[in-house]
Amino acid sequence: QVQLVESGGGLVQAGGSLRLSCAASGSIFSINVCGWYRQAPGKQRELVASITSGGSTRYADSVKGRFTISRDNAKNTVYLQMNSLKGEDTAAYYCNAEVWKPGGGDYWGQGTQVTVSS
């Protein structure tokens, strides 16, 4: 089992920055991929960025060059640094952890709201 707790959301003006944090606990050494997803009202949840246990990263085209995913293994925390925020970045952001071994699965945090005002 993996538990995820997000923090760092809030209200920011367009062009501003926020850093989201995702603190993991439980069977953290079994995590293969950590990702940030977002869901805006009336839209499907979409992948924003992910990072593998090997350090490989992946980004949605809409955030490339603006967002950076990173992790601090000592703190069991994954971060999403969001710069040059736009109104279309407004959404609930969710942390996700994938465990690929038999008996593993997908784990989700409770979400944190990001609102970008123009």
N, C-alpha and C. Protein backbone atom coordinates (compact mmCIF):
# COMPACT_ATOMS: atom_id res chain seq x y z
N GLN A 1 0.83 -1.20 0.00
CA GLN A 1 0.00 0.00 0.00
C GLN A 1 0.87 1.25 0.00
N VAL A 2 0.39 2.23 -0.72
CA VAL A 2 1.08 3.51 -0.80
C VAL A 2 0.08 4.61 -0.46
N GLN A 3 0.51 5.55 0.35
CA GLN A 3 -0.33 6.71 0.66
C GLN A 3 0.34 7.95 0.10
N LEU A 4 -0.48 8.82 -0.48
CA LEU A 4 0.03 10.03 -1.12
C LEU A 4 -0.72 11.24 -0.58
N VAL A 5 0.02 12.28 -0.24
CA VAL A 5 -0.60 13.51 0.26
C VAL A 5 -0.02 14.70 -0.51
N GLU A 6 -0.91 15.40 -1.23
CA GLU A 6 -0.48 16.56 -2.00
C GLU A 6 -0.60 17.84 -1.17
N SER A 7 0.19 18.82 -1.54
CA SER A 7 0.08 20.14 -0.95
C SER A 7 0.67 21.15 -1.92
N GLY A 8 0.40 22.42 -1.67
CA GLY A 8 1.02 23.46 -2.46
C GLY A 8 0.11 24.18 -3.45
N GLY A 9 -1.12 23.73 -3.58
CA GLY A 9 -2.02 24.39 -4.50
C GLY A 9 -2.44 25.75 -3.96
N GLY A 10 -3.16 26.49 -4.80
CA GLY A 10 -3.64 27.79 -4.38
C GLY A 10 -4.03 28.65 -5.54
N LEU A 11 -4.20 29.93 -5.25
CA LEU A 11 -4.59 30.92 -6.25
C LEU A 11 -3.36 31.73 -6.64
N VAL A 12 -3.14 31.86 -7.93
CA VAL A 12 -1.98 32.60 -8.42
C VAL A 12 -2.37 33.36 -9.67
N GLN A 13 -1.72 34.48 -9.90
CA GLN A 13 -2.00 35.25 -11.11
C GLN A 13 -1.31 34.61 -12.31
N ALA A 14 -1.87 34.85 -13.47
CA ALA A 14 -1.25 34.36 -14.70
C ALA A 14 0.18 34.88 -14.79
N GLY A 15 1.08 33.98 -15.19
CA GLY A 15 2.49 34.31 -15.25
C GLY A 15 3.25 33.96 -13.99
N GLY A 16 2.53 33.63 -12.95
CA GLY A 16 3.15 33.30 -11.68
C GLY A 16 3.59 31.85 -11.60
N SER A 17 4.04 31.48 -10.40
CA SER A 17 4.57 30.13 -10.18
C SER A 17 3.98 29.52 -8.92
N LEU A 18 3.92 28.20 -8.93
CA LEU A 18 3.55 27.42 -7.76
C LEU A 18 4.39 26.15 -7.76
N ARG A 19 4.61 25.60 -6.56
CA ARG A 19 5.25 24.30 -6.47
C ARG A 19 4.35 23.36 -5.69
N LEU A 20 3.98 22.27 -6.34
CA LEU A 20 3.19 21.23 -5.68
C LEU A 20 4.11 20.16 -5.11
N SER A 21 3.70 19.62 -3.98
CA SER A 21 4.46 18.54 -3.34
C SER A 21 3.56 17.33 -3.17
N CYS A 22 4.15 16.17 -3.29
CA CYS A 22 3.45 14.91 -3.08
C CYS A 22 4.30 14.05 -2.16
N ALA A 23 3.86 13.92 -0.93
CA ALA A 23 4.60 13.13 0.05
C ALA A 23 4.06 11.70 0.05
N ALA A 24 4.96 10.75 -0.13
CA ALA A 24 4.58 9.34 -0.19
C ALA A 24 4.98 8.62 1.09
N SER A 25 4.15 7.67 1.47
CA SER A 25 4.46 6.83 2.62
C SER A 25 3.95 5.42 2.34
N GLY A 26 4.37 4.48 3.15
CA GLY A 26 3.99 3.09 2.93
C GLY A 26 5.06 2.35 2.15
N SER A 27 4.64 1.57 1.19
CA SER A 27 5.58 0.75 0.41
C SER A 27 6.20 1.56 -0.72
N ILE A 28 6.93 2.59 -0.35
CA ILE A 28 7.44 3.53 -1.35
C ILE A 28 8.50 2.92 -2.25
N PHE A 29 9.21 1.90 -1.77
CA PHE A 29 10.26 1.31 -2.59
C PHE A 29 9.69 0.46 -3.72
N SER A 30 8.40 0.21 -3.69
CA SER A 30 7.76 -0.55 -4.76
C SER A 30 7.23 0.34 -5.88
N ILE A 31 7.33 1.65 -5.70
CA ILE A 31 6.79 2.57 -6.70
C ILE A 31 7.68 2.58 -7.95
N ASN A 32 7.07 2.39 -9.11
CA ASN A 32 7.79 2.42 -10.38
C ASN A 32 7.72 3.79 -11.06
N VAL A 33 6.55 4.40 -10.99
CA VAL A 33 6.35 5.70 -11.63
C VAL A 33 5.51 6.58 -10.71
N CYS A 34 5.91 7.84 -10.59
CA CYS A 34 5.08 8.85 -9.92
C CYS A 34 4.69 9.88 -10.95
N GLY A 35 3.44 10.30 -10.89
CA GLY A 35 2.99 11.27 -11.86
C GLY A 35 2.06 12.30 -11.25
N TRP A 36 1.96 13.41 -11.95
CA TRP A 36 0.97 14.44 -11.63
C TRP A 36 -0.06 14.47 -12.75
N TYR A 37 -1.31 14.41 -12.36
CA TYR A 37 -2.43 14.50 -13.30
C TYR A 37 -3.25 15.73 -12.90
N ARG A 38 -4.07 16.19 -13.82
CA ARG A 38 -4.98 17.28 -13.50
C ARG A 38 -6.32 17.05 -14.17
N GLN A 39 -7.33 17.63 -13.54
CA GLN A 39 -8.68 17.54 -14.08
C GLN A 39 -9.39 18.86 -13.89
N ALA A 40 -9.75 19.46 -15.01
CA ALA A 40 -10.52 20.70 -14.99
C ALA A 40 -12.00 20.34 -15.04
N PRO A 41 -12.87 21.22 -14.58
CA PRO A 41 -14.31 20.93 -14.60
C PRO A 41 -14.79 20.60 -16.01
N GLY A 42 -15.51 19.50 -16.13
CA GLY A 42 -16.06 19.09 -17.41
C GLY A 42 -15.07 18.43 -18.35
N LYS A 43 -13.85 18.21 -17.88
CA LYS A 43 -12.83 17.59 -18.73
C LYS A 43 -12.31 16.31 -18.10
N GLN A 44 -11.68 15.50 -18.94
CA GLN A 44 -11.11 14.26 -18.44
C GLN A 44 -9.80 14.53 -17.71
N ARG A 45 -9.47 13.63 -16.80
CA ARG A 45 -8.19 13.74 -16.11
C ARG A 45 -7.08 13.47 -17.12
N GLU A 46 -6.03 14.29 -17.08
CA GLU A 46 -4.94 14.14 -18.02
C GLU A 46 -3.59 14.12 -17.30
N LEU A 47 -2.65 13.42 -17.92
CA LEU A 47 -1.30 13.37 -17.38
C LEU A 47 -0.61 14.71 -17.63
N VAL A 48 0.00 15.26 -16.59
CA VAL A 48 0.77 16.48 -16.71
C VAL A 48 2.26 16.15 -16.83
N ALA A 49 2.75 15.32 -15.91
CA ALA A 49 4.17 14.97 -15.90
C ALA A 49 4.34 13.71 -15.09
N SER A 50 5.39 12.95 -15.42
CA SER A 50 5.68 11.75 -14.65
C SER A 50 7.18 11.56 -14.55
N ILE A 51 7.58 10.79 -13.54
CA ILE A 51 9.00 10.48 -13.32
C ILE A 51 9.10 9.03 -12.87
N THR A 52 10.00 8.29 -13.49
CA THR A 52 10.15 6.89 -13.15
C THR A 52 11.15 6.72 -12.00
N SER A 53 11.22 5.50 -11.50
CA SER A 53 12.18 5.21 -10.44
C SER A 53 13.61 5.39 -10.93
N GLY A 54 13.80 5.31 -12.24
CA GLY A 54 15.12 5.52 -12.82
C GLY A 54 15.42 6.98 -13.13
N GLY A 55 14.43 7.84 -12.93
CA GLY A 55 14.65 9.26 -13.14
C GLY A 55 14.19 9.80 -14.48
N SER A 56 13.64 8.95 -15.34
CA SER A 56 13.15 9.43 -16.64
C SER A 56 11.88 10.23 -16.43
N THR A 57 11.79 11.32 -17.17
CA THR A 57 10.64 12.20 -17.05
C THR A 57 9.86 12.29 -18.36
N ARG A 58 8.62 12.66 -18.21
CA ARG A 58 7.72 12.79 -19.37
C ARG A 58 6.77 13.93 -19.06
N TYR A 59 6.45 14.73 -20.10
CA TYR A 59 5.59 15.89 -19.91
C TYR A 59 4.51 15.95 -20.99
N ALA A 60 3.38 16.49 -20.61
CA ALA A 60 2.37 16.81 -21.60
C ALA A 60 2.90 17.97 -22.45
N ASP A 61 2.54 17.98 -23.72
CA ASP A 61 3.01 19.03 -24.62
C ASP A 61 2.63 20.42 -24.10
N SER A 62 1.48 20.51 -23.46
CA SER A 62 0.97 21.81 -23.02
C SER A 62 1.78 22.43 -21.89
N VAL A 63 2.62 21.62 -21.21
CA VAL A 63 3.38 22.16 -20.08
C VAL A 63 4.88 22.10 -20.30
N LYS A 64 5.31 21.55 -21.41
CA LYS A 64 6.75 21.45 -21.67
C LYS A 64 7.39 22.83 -21.65
N GLY A 65 8.51 22.93 -20.97
CA GLY A 65 9.21 24.19 -20.88
C GLY A 65 8.72 25.09 -19.77
N ARG A 66 7.58 24.74 -19.17
CA ARG A 66 7.03 25.55 -18.07
C ARG A 66 7.01 24.79 -16.75
N PHE A 67 6.76 23.50 -16.80
CA PHE A 67 6.65 22.68 -15.59
C PHE A 67 7.85 21.76 -15.49
N THR A 68 8.26 21.46 -14.26
CA THR A 68 9.35 20.53 -14.02
C THR A 68 8.97 19.58 -12.90
N ILE A 69 9.08 18.29 -13.16
CA ILE A 69 8.83 17.29 -12.13
C ILE A 69 10.18 16.84 -11.57
N SER A 70 10.23 16.66 -10.27
CA SER A 70 11.46 16.21 -9.64
C SER A 70 11.11 15.43 -8.38
N ARG A 71 12.12 14.82 -7.79
CA ARG A 71 11.85 14.06 -6.57
C ARG A 71 13.02 14.19 -5.61
N ASP A 72 12.68 14.06 -4.35
CA ASP A 72 13.68 14.05 -3.28
C ASP A 72 13.53 12.72 -2.56
N ASN A 73 14.41 11.79 -2.86
CA ASN A 73 14.26 10.44 -2.29
C ASN A 73 14.41 10.45 -0.77
N ALA A 74 15.22 11.34 -0.26
CA ALA A 74 15.41 11.41 1.19
C ALA A 74 14.13 11.82 1.91
N LYS A 75 13.30 12.61 1.21
CA LYS A 75 12.06 13.09 1.81
C LYS A 75 10.85 12.32 1.29
N ASN A 76 11.08 11.34 0.42
CA ASN A 76 9.97 10.57 -0.17
C ASN A 76 8.92 11.49 -0.77
N THR A 77 9.39 12.49 -1.48
CA THR A 77 8.49 13.52 -2.00
C THR A 77 8.78 13.78 -3.47
N VAL A 78 7.72 13.95 -4.23
CA VAL A 78 7.80 14.33 -5.64
C VAL A 78 7.23 15.74 -5.76
N TYR A 79 7.89 16.56 -6.56
CA TYR A 79 7.49 17.95 -6.72
C TYR A 79 7.07 18.23 -8.15
N LEU A 80 6.22 19.22 -8.30
CA LEU A 80 5.89 19.75 -9.62
C LEU A 80 6.05 21.26 -9.53
N GLN A 81 7.13 21.75 -10.12
CA GLN A 81 7.36 23.18 -10.20
C GLN A 81 6.64 23.72 -11.43
N MET A 82 5.74 24.65 -11.21
CA MET A 82 4.93 25.19 -12.30
C MET A 82 5.23 26.67 -12.47
N ASN A 83 5.80 27.02 -13.60
CA ASN A 83 6.13 28.41 -13.91
C ASN A 83 5.29 28.91 -15.08
N SER A 84 5.27 30.22 -15.24
CA SER A 84 4.53 30.84 -16.35
C SER A 84 3.11 30.28 -16.44
N LEU A 85 2.44 30.25 -15.34
CA LEU A 85 1.11 29.65 -15.28
C LEU A 85 0.11 30.42 -16.13
N LYS A 86 -0.81 29.66 -16.73
CA LYS A 86 -1.84 30.21 -17.59
C LYS A 86 -3.21 29.85 -17.04
N GLY A 87 -4.23 30.54 -17.52
CA GLY A 87 -5.57 30.24 -17.06
C GLY A 87 -5.96 28.81 -17.33
N GLU A 88 -5.49 28.27 -18.43
CA GLU A 88 -5.85 26.88 -18.78
C GLU A 88 -5.17 25.84 -17.90
N ASP A 89 -4.28 26.29 -17.02
CA ASP A 89 -3.68 25.37 -16.05
C ASP A 89 -4.57 25.18 -14.83
N THR A 90 -5.64 25.96 -14.73
CA THR A 90 -6.56 25.84 -13.61
C THR A 90 -7.19 24.45 -13.60
N ALA A 91 -7.04 23.75 -12.48
CA ALA A 91 -7.56 22.39 -12.37
C ALA A 91 -7.27 21.87 -10.97
N ALA A 92 -7.87 20.73 -10.68
CA ALA A 92 -7.46 19.97 -9.51
C ALA A 92 -6.29 19.08 -9.92
N TYR A 93 -5.23 19.12 -9.17
CA TYR A 93 -4.03 18.35 -9.49
C TYR A 93 -3.92 17.17 -8.53
N TYR A 94 -3.65 16.01 -9.11
CA TYR A 94 -3.59 14.77 -8.35
C TYR A 94 -2.24 14.09 -8.51
N CYS A 95 -1.71 13.59 -7.43
CA CYS A 95 -0.49 12.80 -7.47
C CYS A 95 -0.88 11.32 -7.64
N ASN A 96 -0.09 10.63 -8.43
CA ASN A 96 -0.35 9.22 -8.72
C ASN A 96 0.93 8.42 -8.56
N ALA A 97 0.80 7.20 -8.07
CA ALA A 97 1.94 6.29 -7.97
C ALA A 97 1.54 4.96 -8.57
N GLU A 98 2.39 4.43 -9.43
CA GLU A 98 2.14 3.14 -10.07
C GLU A 98 3.10 2.10 -9.46
N VAL A 99 2.53 0.98 -9.09
CA VAL A 99 3.31 -0.14 -8.60
C VAL A 99 3.06 -1.30 -9.53
N TRP A 100 4.10 -1.74 -10.25
CA TRP A 100 3.92 -2.72 -11.30
C TRP A 100 4.01 -4.17 -10.85
N LYS A 101 4.56 -4.41 -9.69
CA LYS A 101 4.75 -5.80 -9.27
C LYS A 101 3.38 -6.43 -9.03
N PRO A 102 3.33 -7.79 -9.11
CA PRO A 102 2.05 -8.47 -8.85
C PRO A 102 1.45 -8.04 -7.53
N GLY A 103 0.19 -7.71 -7.56
CA GLY A 103 -0.48 -7.24 -6.36
C GLY A 103 -0.41 -5.74 -6.18
N GLY A 104 0.35 -5.08 -7.07
CA GLY A 104 0.46 -3.63 -6.99
C GLY A 104 -0.76 -2.96 -7.59
N GLY A 105 -0.62 -1.72 -7.96
CA GLY A 105 -1.74 -1.01 -8.56
C GLY A 105 -1.47 0.46 -8.67
N ASP A 106 -2.54 1.20 -8.87
CA ASP A 106 -2.49 2.66 -8.98
C ASP A 106 -2.94 3.27 -7.67
N TYR A 107 -2.19 4.25 -7.19
CA TYR A 107 -2.56 4.94 -5.97
C TYR A 107 -2.69 6.44 -6.26
N TRP A 108 -3.64 7.07 -5.59
CA TRP A 108 -3.95 8.47 -5.83
C TRP A 108 -3.98 9.26 -4.53
N GLY A 109 -3.56 10.50 -4.61
CA GLY A 109 -3.75 11.42 -3.52
C GLY A 109 -5.13 12.04 -3.58
N GLN A 110 -5.40 12.93 -2.64
CA GLN A 110 -6.74 13.52 -2.54
C GLN A 110 -6.91 14.71 -3.46
N GLY A 111 -5.82 15.21 -4.01
CA GLY A 111 -5.89 16.32 -4.94
C GLY A 111 -5.66 17.66 -4.27
N THR A 112 -5.17 18.61 -5.06
CA THR A 112 -4.98 19.98 -4.59
C THR A 112 -5.38 20.92 -5.72
N GLN A 113 -6.11 21.95 -5.38
CA GLN A 113 -6.66 22.86 -6.39
C GLN A 113 -5.65 23.94 -6.77
N VAL A 114 -5.50 24.14 -8.06
CA VAL A 114 -4.69 25.24 -8.59
C VAL A 114 -5.61 26.13 -9.40
N THR A 115 -5.66 27.40 -9.06
CA THR A 115 -6.49 28.35 -9.78
C THR A 115 -5.61 29.50 -10.25
N VAL A 116 -5.62 29.72 -11.56
CA VAL A 116 -4.82 30.78 -12.16
C VAL A 116 -5.75 31.88 -12.62
N SER A 117 -5.59 33.07 -12.09
CA SER A 117 -6.44 34.19 -12.46
C SER A 117 -5.76 35.03 -13.54
N SER A 118 -6.57 35.52 -14.46
CA SER A 118 -6.01 36.32 -15.55
C SER A 118 -6.22 37.81 -15.30
